[in-house]
Amino acid sequence: MDRRIRNGALYGLMISLSLGLFFANYKHLTLEDGVEMKEYLPVYEYVISVLRYGAMGTLIGMFIGWRMSKAEYEGPKTYYGEVFLGVIFLTLGMTALSYLLGG
């Protein structure tokens, strides 16, 4: 059981960090007198926003690993469909929340 949770956390971290590199906001656009100004975030703020994705992905991966190992020990009933839908909705919610908060 511990191995599945650890692997889920590791895979969740790797996948969410690589997705965080694509989805994390690294610039700030402002419009002043009809001129668009582009300001880049400092590296520290960018790294923190990528790590935020990593932390959320690690927790999701741990949850999936726990549910998979629990289903294995309890019997033939599997929750793959529910886990898949949960991951999809959590990922969409994470992305929407990050977009709405401007992070």
PDB file of N, CA and C in Angstrom:
ATOM      1  N   MET A   1       0.825  -1.182   0.000  1.00  0.00           N
ATOM      2  CA  MET A   1       0.000   0.000   0.000  1.00  0.00           C
ATOM      3  C   MET A   1       0.875   1.253   0.000  1.00  0.00           C
ATOM      4  N   ASP A   2       1.908   1.245   0.819  1.00  0.00           N
ATOM      5  CA  ASP A   2       2.786   2.416   0.881  1.00  0.00           C
ATOM      6  C   ASP A   2       3.472   2.672  -0.460  1.00  0.00           C
ATOM      7  N   ARG A   3       3.823   1.600  -1.160  1.00  0.00           N
ATOM      8  CA  ARG A   3       4.498   1.754  -2.445  1.00  0.00           C
ATOM      9  C   ARG A   3       3.583   2.433  -3.462  1.00  0.00           C
ATOM     10  N   ARG A   4       2.318   2.058  -3.474  1.00  0.00           N
ATOM     11  CA  ARG A   4       1.385   2.688  -4.425  1.00  0.00           C
ATOM     12  C   ARG A   4       1.178   4.165  -4.118  1.00  0.00           C
ATOM     13  N   ILE A   5       1.067   4.489  -2.855  1.00  0.00           N
ATOM     14  CA  ILE A   5       0.880   5.894  -2.486  1.00  0.00           C
ATOM     15  C   ILE A   5       2.125   6.699  -2.840  1.00  0.00           C
ATOM     16  N   ARG A   6       3.303   6.140  -2.555  1.00  0.00           N
ATOM     17  CA  ARG A   6       4.552   6.830  -2.878  1.00  0.00           C
ATOM     18  C   ARG A   6       4.701   7.017  -4.386  1.00  0.00           C
ATOM     19  N   ASN A   7       4.402   5.965  -5.158  1.00  0.00           N
ATOM     20  CA  ASN A   7       4.487   6.087  -6.617  1.00  0.00           C
ATOM     21  C   ASN A   7       3.458   7.075  -7.158  1.00  0.00           C
ATOM     22  N   GLY A   8       2.252   7.049  -6.607  1.00  0.00           N
ATOM     23  CA  GLY A   8       1.233   8.014  -7.026  1.00  0.00           C
ATOM     24  C   GLY A   8       1.661   9.439  -6.757  1.00  0.00           C
ATOM     25  N   ALA A   9       2.274   9.655  -5.597  1.00  0.00           N
ATOM     26  CA  ALA A   9       2.751  11.000  -5.265  1.00  0.00           C
ATOM     27  C   ALA A   9       3.870  11.429  -6.204  1.00  0.00           C
ATOM     28  N   LEU A  10       4.786  10.501  -6.498  1.00  0.00           N
ATOM     29  CA  LEU A  10       5.907  10.838  -7.378  1.00  0.00           C
ATOM     30  C   LEU A  10       5.436  11.126  -8.799  1.00  0.00           C
ATOM     31  N   TYR A  11       4.564  10.269  -9.327  1.00  0.00           N
ATOM     32  CA  TYR A  11       4.048  10.500 -10.681  1.00  0.00           C
ATOM     33  C   TYR A  11       3.186  11.756 -10.742  1.00  0.00           C
ATOM     34  N   GLY A  12       2.377  11.987  -9.704  1.00  0.00           N
ATOM     35  CA  GLY A  12       1.568  13.208  -9.661  1.00  0.00           C
ATOM     36  C   GLY A  12       2.429  14.454  -9.644  1.00  0.00           C
ATOM     37  N   LEU A  13       3.541  14.392  -8.897  1.00  0.00           N
ATOM     38  CA  LEU A  13       4.453  15.535  -8.841  1.00  0.00           C
ATOM     39  C   LEU A  13       5.092  15.790 -10.196  1.00  0.00           C
ATOM     40  N   MET A  14       5.588  14.737 -10.838  1.00  0.00           N
ATOM     41  CA  MET A  14       6.251  14.923 -12.138  1.00  0.00           C
ATOM     42  C   MET A  14       5.285  15.441 -13.199  1.00  0.00           C
ATOM     43  N   ILE A  15       4.091  14.868 -13.259  1.00  0.00           N
ATOM     44  CA  ILE A  15       3.123  15.286 -14.274  1.00  0.00           C
ATOM     45  C   ILE A  15       2.657  16.714 -14.004  1.00  0.00           C
ATOM     46  N   SER A  16       2.361  17.037 -12.751  1.00  0.00           N
ATOM     47  CA  SER A  16       1.852  18.381 -12.472  1.00  0.00           C
ATOM     48  C   SER A  16       2.932  19.453 -12.594  1.00  0.00           C
ATOM     49  N   LEU A  17       4.193  19.113 -12.301  1.00  0.00           N
ATOM     50  CA  LEU A  17       5.259  20.097 -12.521  1.00  0.00           C
ATOM     51  C   LEU A  17       5.433  20.397 -14.000  1.00  0.00           C
ATOM     52  N   SER A  18       5.366  19.347 -14.830  1.00  0.00           N
ATOM     53  CA  SER A  18       5.504  19.606 -16.263  1.00  0.00           C
ATOM     54  C   SER A  18       4.296  20.355 -16.810  1.00  0.00           C
ATOM     55  N   LEU A  19       3.101  20.099 -16.287  1.00  0.00           N
ATOM     56  CA  LEU A  19       1.940  20.888 -16.703  1.00  0.00           C
ATOM     57  C   LEU A  19       2.017  22.310 -16.145  1.00  0.00           C
ATOM     58  N   GLY A  20       2.563  22.441 -14.944  1.00  0.00           N
ATOM     59  CA  GLY A  20       2.707  23.763 -14.343  1.00  0.00           C
ATOM     60  C   GLY A  20       3.635  24.660 -15.129  1.00  0.00           C
ATOM     61  N   LEU A  21       4.654  24.079 -15.757  1.00  0.00           N
ATOM     62  CA  LEU A  21       5.548  24.886 -16.597  1.00  0.00           C
ATOM     63  C   LEU A  21       4.804  25.510 -17.769  1.00  0.00           C
ATOM     64  N   PHE A  22       3.778  24.810 -18.267  1.00  0.00           N
ATOM     65  CA  PHE A  22       3.009  25.346 -19.394  1.00  0.00           C
ATOM     66  C   PHE A  22       1.920  26.308 -18.944  1.00  0.00           C
ATOM     67  N   PHE A  23       1.271  26.035 -17.798  1.00  0.00           N
ATOM     68  CA  PHE A  23       0.101  26.810 -17.411  1.00  0.00           C
ATOM     69  C   PHE A  23       0.406  27.957 -16.453  1.00  0.00           C
ATOM     70  N   ALA A  24       1.555  27.966 -15.828  1.00  0.00           N
ATOM     71  CA  ALA A  24       1.870  29.034 -14.871  1.00  0.00           C
ATOM     72  C   ALA A  24       2.064  30.354 -15.625  1.00  0.00           C
ATOM     73  N   ASN A  25       1.517  31.392 -15.066  1.00  0.00           N
ATOM     74  CA  ASN A  25       1.603  32.713 -15.684  1.00  0.00           C
ATOM     75  C   ASN A  25       2.976  33.314 -15.403  1.00  0.00           C
ATOM     76  N   TYR A  26       3.671  33.733 -16.435  1.00  0.00           N
ATOM     77  CA  TYR A  26       5.018  34.289 -16.264  1.00  0.00           C
ATOM     78  C   TYR A  26       5.110  35.744 -16.702  1.00  0.00           C
ATOM     79  N   LYS A  27       4.011  36.317 -17.158  1.00  0.00           N
ATOM     80  CA  LYS A  27       4.043  37.728 -17.567  1.00  0.00           C
ATOM     81  C   LYS A  27       2.748  38.403 -17.153  1.00  0.00           C
ATOM     82  N   HIS A  28       2.799  39.699 -17.067  1.00  0.00           N
ATOM     83  CA  HIS A  28       1.653  40.504 -16.690  1.00  0.00           C
ATOM     84  C   HIS A  28       1.467  41.581 -17.752  1.00  0.00           C
ATOM     85  N   LEU A  29       0.305  41.599 -18.376  1.00  0.00           N
ATOM     86  CA  LEU A  29       0.026  42.575 -19.429  1.00  0.00           C
ATOM     87  C   LEU A  29      -0.841  43.692 -18.867  1.00  0.00           C
ATOM     88  N   THR A  30      -0.459  44.937 -19.143  1.00  0.00           N
ATOM     89  CA  THR A  30      -1.249  46.098 -18.740  1.00  0.00           C
ATOM     90  C   THR A  30      -1.456  46.985 -19.962  1.00  0.00           C
ATOM     91  N   LEU A  31      -2.540  47.719 -19.937  1.00  0.00           N
ATOM     92  CA  LEU A  31      -2.864  48.618 -21.038  1.00  0.00           C
ATOM     93  C   LEU A  31      -2.862  50.047 -20.500  1.00  0.00           C
ATOM     94  N   GLU A  32      -1.937  50.863 -20.984  1.00  0.00           N
ATOM     95  CA  GLU A  32      -1.826  52.253 -20.558  1.00  0.00           C
ATOM     96  C   GLU A  32      -1.846  53.158 -21.785  1.00  0.00           C
ATOM     97  N   ASP A  33      -2.836  54.013 -21.871  1.00  0.00           N
ATOM     98  CA  ASP A  33      -2.974  54.975 -22.966  1.00  0.00           C
ATOM     99  C   ASP A  33      -2.914  54.305 -24.334  1.00  0.00           C
ATOM    100  N   GLY A  34      -3.552  53.160 -24.450  1.00  0.00           N
ATOM    101  CA  GLY A  34      -3.586  52.455 -25.727  1.00  0.00           C
ATOM    102  C   GLY A  34      -2.322  51.671 -26.043  1.00  0.00           C
ATOM    103  N   VAL A  35      -1.377  51.654 -25.138  1.00  0.00           N
ATOM    104  CA  VAL A  35      -0.126  50.921 -25.342  1.00  0.00           C
ATOM    105  C   VAL A  35      -0.119  49.719 -24.403  1.00  0.00           C
ATOM    106  N   GLU A  36       0.162  48.580 -24.972  1.00  0.00           N
ATOM    107  CA  GLU A  36       0.207  47.365 -24.160  1.00  0.00           C
ATOM    108  C   GLU A  36       1.599  47.202 -23.565  1.00  0.00           C
ATOM    109  N   MET A  37       1.652  47.122 -22.232  1.00  0.00           N
ATOM    110  CA  MET A  37       2.920  46.960 -21.521  1.00  0.00           C
ATOM    111  C   MET A  37       3.032  45.511 -21.049  1.00  0.00           C
ATOM    112  N   LYS A  38       4.167  44.894 -21.304  1.00  0.00           N
ATOM    113  CA  LYS A  38       4.394  43.515 -20.891  1.00  0.00           C
ATOM    114  C   LYS A  38       5.489  43.506 -19.834  1.00  0.00           C
ATOM    115  N   GLU A  39       5.140  42.993 -18.645  1.00  0.00           N
ATOM    116  CA  GLU A  39       6.097  42.901 -17.551  1.00  0.00           C
ATOM    117  C   GLU A  39       6.247  41.429 -17.177  1.00  0.00           C
ATOM    118  N   TYR A  40       7.466  40.966 -17.081  1.00  0.00           N
ATOM    119  CA  TYR A  40       7.713  39.583 -16.707  1.00  0.00           C
ATOM    120  C   TYR A  40       7.846  39.478 -15.193  1.00  0.00           C
ATOM    121  N   LEU A  41       7.291  38.386 -14.655  1.00  0.00           N
ATOM    122  CA  LEU A  41       7.372  38.147 -13.217  1.00  0.00           C
ATOM    123  C   LEU A  41       8.798  37.767 -12.828  1.00  0.00           C
ATOM    124  N   PRO A  42       9.187  38.072 -11.612  1.00  0.00           N
ATOM    125  CA  PRO A  42      10.499  37.606 -11.145  1.00  0.00           C
ATOM    126  C   PRO A  42      10.533  36.078 -11.100  1.00  0.00           C
ATOM    127  N   VAL A  43      11.716  35.526 -11.187  1.00  0.00           N
ATOM    128  CA  VAL A  43      11.886  34.072 -11.229  1.00  0.00           C
ATOM    129  C   VAL A  43      11.311  33.429  -9.972  1.00  0.00           C
ATOM    130  N   TYR A  44      11.490  34.054  -8.831  1.00  0.00           N
ATOM    131  CA  TYR A  44      11.009  33.503  -7.577  1.00  0.00           C
ATOM    132  C   TYR A  44       9.498  33.295  -7.606  1.00  0.00           C
ATOM    133  N   GLU A  45       8.748  34.288  -8.079  1.00  0.00           N
ATOM    134  CA  GLU A  45       7.290  34.166  -8.148  1.00  0.00           C
ATOM    135  C   GLU A  45       6.869  33.094  -9.152  1.00  0.00           C
ATOM    136  N   TYR A  46       7.594  32.981 -10.257  1.00  0.00           N
ATOM    137  CA  TYR A  46       7.280  31.951 -11.247  1.00  0.00           C
ATOM    138  C   TYR A  46       7.515  30.559 -10.673  1.00  0.00           C
ATOM    139  N   VAL A  47       8.613  30.375  -9.956  1.00  0.00           N
ATOM    140  CA  VAL A  47       8.919  29.064  -9.361  1.00  0.00           C
ATOM    141  C   VAL A  47       7.870  28.707  -8.323  1.00  0.00           C
ATOM    142  N   ILE A  48       7.432  29.665  -7.523  1.00  0.00           N
ATOM    143  CA  ILE A  48       6.405  29.406  -6.515  1.00  0.00           C
ATOM    144  C   ILE A  48       5.098  28.994  -7.180  1.00  0.00           C
ATOM    145  N   SER A  49       4.724  29.623  -8.273  1.00  0.00           N
ATOM    146  CA  SER A  49       3.477  29.248  -8.944  1.00  0.00           C
ATOM    147  C   SER A  49       3.581  27.859  -9.571  1.00  0.00           C
ATOM    148  N   VAL A  50       4.754  27.483 -10.079  1.00  0.00           N
ATOM    149  CA  VAL A  50       4.933  26.130 -10.622  1.00  0.00           C
ATOM    150  C   VAL A  50       4.892  25.103  -9.494  1.00  0.00           C
ATOM    151  N   LEU A  51       5.501  25.425  -8.359  1.00  0.00           N
ATOM    152  CA  LEU A  51       5.481  24.507  -7.219  1.00  0.00           C
ATOM    153  C   LEU A  51       4.082  24.331  -6.645  1.00  0.00           C
ATOM    154  N   ARG A  52       3.248  25.352  -6.788  1.00  0.00           N
ATOM    155  CA  ARG A  52       1.857  25.224  -6.342  1.00  0.00           C
ATOM    156  C   ARG A  52       1.145  24.143  -7.149  1.00  0.00           C
ATOM    157  N   TYR A  53       1.381  24.105  -8.453  1.00  0.00           N
ATOM    158  CA  TYR A  53       0.830  23.031  -9.272  1.00  0.00           C
ATOM    159  C   TYR A  53       1.384  21.680  -8.817  1.00  0.00           C
ATOM    160  N   GLY A  54       2.672  21.631  -8.511  1.00  0.00           N
ATOM    161  CA  GLY A  54       3.297  20.390  -8.077  1.00  0.00           C
ATOM    162  C   GLY A  54       2.698  19.863  -6.790  1.00  0.00           C
ATOM    163  N   ALA A  55       2.432  20.737  -5.848  1.00  0.00           N
ATOM    164  CA  ALA A  55       1.848  20.310  -4.573  1.00  0.00           C
ATOM    165  C   ALA A  55       0.443  19.754  -4.771  1.00  0.00           C
ATOM    166  N   MET A  56      -0.355  20.412  -5.601  1.00  0.00           N
ATOM    167  CA  MET A  56      -1.708  19.915  -5.848  1.00  0.00           C
ATOM    168  C   MET A  56      -1.668  18.576  -6.566  1.00  0.00           C
ATOM    169  N   GLY A  57      -0.784  18.428  -7.526  1.00  0.00           N
ATOM    170  CA  GLY A  57      -0.662  17.161  -8.246  1.00  0.00           C
ATOM    171  C   GLY A  57      -0.186  16.031  -7.366  1.00  0.00           C
ATOM    172  N   THR A  58       0.696  16.330  -6.414  1.00  0.00           N
ATOM    173  CA  THR A  58       1.167  15.311  -5.484  1.00  0.00           C
ATOM    174  C   THR A  58       0.026  14.805  -4.615  1.00  0.00           C
ATOM    175  N   LEU A  59      -0.795  15.709  -4.114  1.00  0.00           N
ATOM    176  CA  LEU A  59      -1.931  15.292  -3.298  1.00  0.00           C
ATOM    177  C   LEU A  59      -2.926  14.470  -4.100  1.00  0.00           C
ATOM    178  N   ILE A  60      -3.174  14.865  -5.332  1.00  0.00           N
ATOM    179  CA  ILE A  60      -4.089  14.101  -6.182  1.00  0.00           C
ATOM    180  C   ILE A  60      -3.513  12.721  -6.469  1.00  0.00           C
ATOM    181  N   GLY A  61      -2.216  12.642  -6.760  1.00  0.00           N
ATOM    182  CA  GLY A  61      -1.571  11.352  -7.007  1.00  0.00           C
ATOM    183  C   GLY A  61      -1.600  10.449  -5.793  1.00  0.00           C
ATOM    184  N   MET A  62      -1.397  11.018  -4.597  1.00  0.00           N
ATOM    185  CA  MET A  62      -1.476  10.218  -3.378  1.00  0.00           C
ATOM    186  C   MET A  62      -2.883   9.675  -3.167  1.00  0.00           C
ATOM    187  N   PHE A  63      -3.881  10.494  -3.439  1.00  0.00           N
ATOM    188  CA  PHE A  63      -5.265  10.049  -3.292  1.00  0.00           C
ATOM    189  C   PHE A  63      -5.576   8.911  -4.259  1.00  0.00           C
ATOM    190  N   ILE A  64      -5.133   9.046  -5.499  1.00  0.00           N
ATOM    191  CA  ILE A  64      -5.379   7.985  -6.484  1.00  0.00           C
ATOM    192  C   ILE A  64      -4.664   6.703  -6.080  1.00  0.00           C
ATOM    193  N   GLY A  65      -3.432   6.803  -5.630  1.00  0.00           N
ATOM    194  CA  GLY A  65      -2.700   5.621  -5.171  1.00  0.00           C
ATOM    195  C   GLY A  65      -3.368   4.954  -3.988  1.00  0.00           C
ATOM    196  N   TRP A  66      -3.877   5.742  -3.060  1.00  0.00           N
ATOM    197  CA  TRP A  66      -4.576   5.198  -1.902  1.00  0.00           C
ATOM    198  C   TRP A  66      -5.844   4.470  -2.313  1.00  0.00           C
ATOM    199  N   ARG A  67      -6.618   5.091  -3.218  1.00  0.00           N
ATOM    200  CA  ARG A  67      -7.866   4.463  -3.662  1.00  0.00           C
ATOM    201  C   ARG A  67      -7.586   3.185  -4.448  1.00  0.00           C
ATOM    202  N   MET A  68      -6.556   3.176  -5.263  1.00  0.00           N
ATOM    203  CA  MET A  68      -6.235   1.972  -6.029  1.00  0.00           C
ATOM    204  C   MET A  68      -5.789   0.842  -5.107  1.00  0.00           C
ATOM    205  N   SER A  69      -4.989   1.150  -4.109  1.00  0.00           N
ATOM    206  CA  SER A  69      -4.547   0.094  -3.197  1.00  0.00           C
ATOM    207  C   SER A  69      -5.696  -0.364  -2.299  1.00  0.00           C
ATOM    208  N   LYS A  70      -6.564   0.543  -1.929  1.00  0.00           N
ATOM    209  CA  LYS A  70      -7.724   0.172  -1.118  1.00  0.00           C
ATOM    210  C   LYS A  70      -8.650  -0.742  -1.906  1.00  0.00           C
ATOM    211  N   ALA A  71      -8.859  -0.432  -3.182  1.00  0.00           N
ATOM    212  CA  ALA A  71      -9.714  -1.268  -4.024  1.00  0.00           C
ATOM    213  C   ALA A  71      -9.089  -2.642  -4.228  1.00  0.00           C
ATOM    214  N   GLU A  72      -7.770  -2.720  -4.288  1.00  0.00           N
ATOM    215  CA  GLU A  72      -7.086  -3.999  -4.471  1.00  0.00           C
ATOM    216  C   GLU A  72      -7.252  -4.887  -3.244  1.00  0.00           C
ATOM    217  N   TYR A  73      -7.194  -4.299  -2.065  1.00  0.00           N
ATOM    218  CA  TYR A  73      -7.301  -5.084  -0.838  1.00  0.00           C
ATOM    219  C   TYR A  73      -8.746  -5.476  -0.515  1.00  0.00           C
ATOM    220  N   GLU A  74      -9.706  -4.669  -0.935  1.00  0.00           N
ATOM    221  CA  GLU A  74     -11.096  -4.932  -0.570  1.00  0.00           C
ATOM    222  C   GLU A  74     -11.790  -5.919  -1.482  1.00  0.00           C
ATOM    223  N   GLY A  75     -11.332  -6.118  -2.676  1.00  0.00           N
ATOM    224  CA  GLY A  75     -11.978  -7.090  -3.549  1.00  0.00           C
ATOM    225  C   GLY A  75     -12.035  -6.631  -4.984  1.00  0.00           C
ATOM    226  N   PRO A  76     -12.910  -7.253  -5.758  1.00  0.00           N
ATOM    227  CA  PRO A  76     -12.932  -7.003  -7.198  1.00  0.00           C
ATOM    228  C   PRO A  76     -13.528  -5.660  -7.613  1.00  0.00           C
ATOM    229  N   LYS A  77     -14.235  -4.961  -6.723  1.00  0.00           N
ATOM    230  CA  LYS A  77     -14.830  -3.675  -7.083  1.00  0.00           C
ATOM    231  C   LYS A  77     -13.730  -2.654  -7.322  1.00  0.00           C
ATOM    232  N   THR A  78     -13.745  -2.031  -8.482  1.00  0.00           N
ATOM    233  CA  THR A  78     -12.751  -1.012  -8.812  1.00  0.00           C
ATOM    234  C   THR A  78     -13.428   0.345  -8.969  1.00  0.00           C
ATOM    235  N   TYR A  79     -12.665   1.373  -8.741  1.00  0.00           N
ATOM    236  CA  TYR A  79     -13.169   2.741  -8.836  1.00  0.00           C
ATOM    237  C   TYR A  79     -12.415   3.527  -9.899  1.00  0.00           C
ATOM    238  N   TYR A  80     -11.987   2.861 -10.915  1.00  0.00           N
ATOM    239  CA  TYR A  80     -11.180   3.528 -11.938  1.00  0.00           C
ATOM    240  C   TYR A  80     -11.966   4.640 -12.611  1.00  0.00           C
ATOM    241  N   GLY A  81     -13.226   4.389 -12.916  1.00  0.00           N
ATOM    242  CA  GLY A  81     -14.056   5.412 -13.565  1.00  0.00           C
ATOM    243  C   GLY A  81     -14.251   6.621 -12.677  1.00  0.00           C
ATOM    244  N   GLU A  82     -14.567   6.369 -11.395  1.00  0.00           N
ATOM    245  CA  GLU A  82     -14.773   7.469 -10.461  1.00  0.00           C
ATOM    246  C   GLU A  82     -13.483   8.245 -10.232  1.00  0.00           C
ATOM    247  N   VAL A  83     -12.368   7.534 -10.119  1.00  0.00           N
ATOM    248  CA  VAL A  83     -11.084   8.203  -9.924  1.00  0.00           C
ATOM    249  C   VAL A  83     -10.728   9.031 -11.155  1.00  0.00           C
ATOM    250  N   PHE A  84     -10.962   8.472 -12.331  1.00  0.00           N
ATOM    251  CA  PHE A  84     -10.668   9.210 -13.566  1.00  0.00           C
ATOM    252  C   PHE A  84     -11.499  10.483 -13.638  1.00  0.00           C
ATOM    253  N   LEU A  85     -12.801  10.383 -13.360  1.00  0.00           N
ATOM    254  CA  LEU A  85     -13.639  11.579 -13.389  1.00  0.00           C
ATOM    255  C   LEU A  85     -13.223  12.577 -12.304  1.00  0.00           C
ATOM    256  N   GLY A  86     -12.857  12.061 -11.134  1.00  0.00           N
ATOM    257  CA  GLY A  86     -12.412  12.943 -10.069  1.00  0.00           C
ATOM    258  C   GLY A  86     -11.157  13.706 -10.446  1.00  0.00           C
ATOM    259  N   VAL A  87     -10.208  13.017 -11.065  1.00  0.00           N
ATOM    260  CA  VAL A  87      -8.972  13.671 -11.488  1.00  0.00           C
ATOM    261  C   VAL A  87      -9.260  14.715 -12.559  1.00  0.00           C
ATOM    262  N   ILE A  88     -10.126  14.380 -13.508  1.00  0.00           N
ATOM    263  CA  ILE A  88     -10.469  15.336 -14.567  1.00  0.00           C
ATOM    264  C   ILE A  88     -11.109  16.588 -13.967  1.00  0.00           C
ATOM    265  N   PHE A  89     -12.100  16.392 -13.079  1.00  0.00           N
ATOM    266  CA  PHE A  89     -12.776  17.550 -12.500  1.00  0.00           C
ATOM    267  C   PHE A  89     -11.859  18.343 -11.586  1.00  0.00           C
ATOM    268  N   LEU A  90     -10.988  17.671 -10.830  1.00  0.00           N
ATOM    269  CA  LEU A  90     -10.039  18.404  -9.988  1.00  0.00           C
ATOM    270  C   LEU A  90      -9.047  19.199 -10.829  1.00  0.00           C
ATOM    271  N   THR A  91      -8.597  18.605 -11.919  1.00  0.00           N
ATOM    272  CA  THR A  91      -7.661  19.318 -12.793  1.00  0.00           C
ATOM    273  C   THR A  91      -8.326  20.519 -13.444  1.00  0.00           C
ATOM    274  N   LEU A  92      -9.555  20.334 -13.915  1.00  0.00           N
ATOM    275  CA  LEU A  92     -10.272  21.465 -14.509  1.00  0.00           C
ATOM    276  C   LEU A  92     -10.547  22.551 -13.469  1.00  0.00           C
ATOM    277  N   GLY A  93     -10.922  22.133 -12.261  1.00  0.00           N
ATOM    278  CA  GLY A  93     -11.158  23.100 -11.196  1.00  0.00           C
ATOM    279  C   GLY A  93      -9.897  23.836 -10.803  1.00  0.00           C
ATOM    280  N   MET A  94      -8.770  23.103 -10.746  1.00  0.00           N
ATOM    281  CA  MET A  94      -7.480  23.707 -10.427  1.00  0.00           C
ATOM    282  C   MET A  94      -7.105  24.752 -11.473  1.00  0.00           C
ATOM    283  N   THR A  95      -7.287  24.387 -12.736  1.00  0.00           N
ATOM    284  CA  THR A  95      -6.943  25.299 -13.816  1.00  0.00           C
ATOM    285  C   THR A  95      -7.846  26.530 -13.797  1.00  0.00           C
ATOM    286  N   ALA A  96      -9.148  26.316 -13.598  1.00  0.00           N
ATOM    287  CA  ALA A  96     -10.081  27.442 -13.562  1.00  0.00           C
ATOM    288  C   ALA A  96      -9.793  28.351 -12.378  1.00  0.00           C
ATOM    289  N   LEU A  97      -9.506  27.766 -11.225  1.00  0.00           N
ATOM    290  CA  LEU A  97      -9.206  28.567 -10.044  1.00  0.00           C
ATOM    291  C   LEU A  97      -7.905  29.362 -10.230  1.00  0.00           C
ATOM    292  N   SER A  98      -6.923  28.730 -10.814  1.00  0.00           N
ATOM    293  CA  SER A  98      -5.666  29.428 -11.062  1.00  0.00           C
ATOM    294  C   SER A  98      -5.874  30.579 -12.048  1.00  0.00           C
ATOM    295  N   TYR A  99      -6.693  30.339 -13.066  1.00  0.00           N
ATOM    296  CA  TYR A  99      -6.972  31.385 -14.049  1.00  0.00           C
ATOM    297  C   TYR A  99      -7.747  32.543 -13.408  1.00  0.00           C
ATOM    298  N   LEU A 100      -8.734  32.204 -12.575  1.00  0.00           N
ATOM    299  CA  LEU A 100      -9.549  33.255 -11.966  1.00  0.00           C
ATOM    300  C   LEU A 100      -8.775  34.056 -10.925  1.00  0.00           C
ATOM    301  N   LEU A 101      -7.844  33.417 -10.231  1.00  0.00           N
ATOM    302  CA  LEU A 101      -7.060  34.134  -9.224  1.00  0.00           C
ATOM    303  C   LEU A 101      -5.880  34.863  -9.829  1.00  0.00           C
ATOM    304  N   GLY A 102      -5.649  34.646 -11.108  1.00  0.00           N
ATOM    305  CA  GLY A 102      -4.573  35.374 -11.790  1.00  0.00           C
ATOM    306  C   GLY A 102      -3.200  34.835 -11.480  1.00  0.00           C
ATOM    307  N   GLY A 103      -3.134  33.616 -10.992  1.00  0.00           N
ATOM    308  CA  GLY A 103      -1.844  33.018 -10.623  1.00  0.00           C
ATOM    309  C   GLY A 103      -1.276  32.335 -11.774  1.00  0.00           C
TER     310      GLY A 103
END
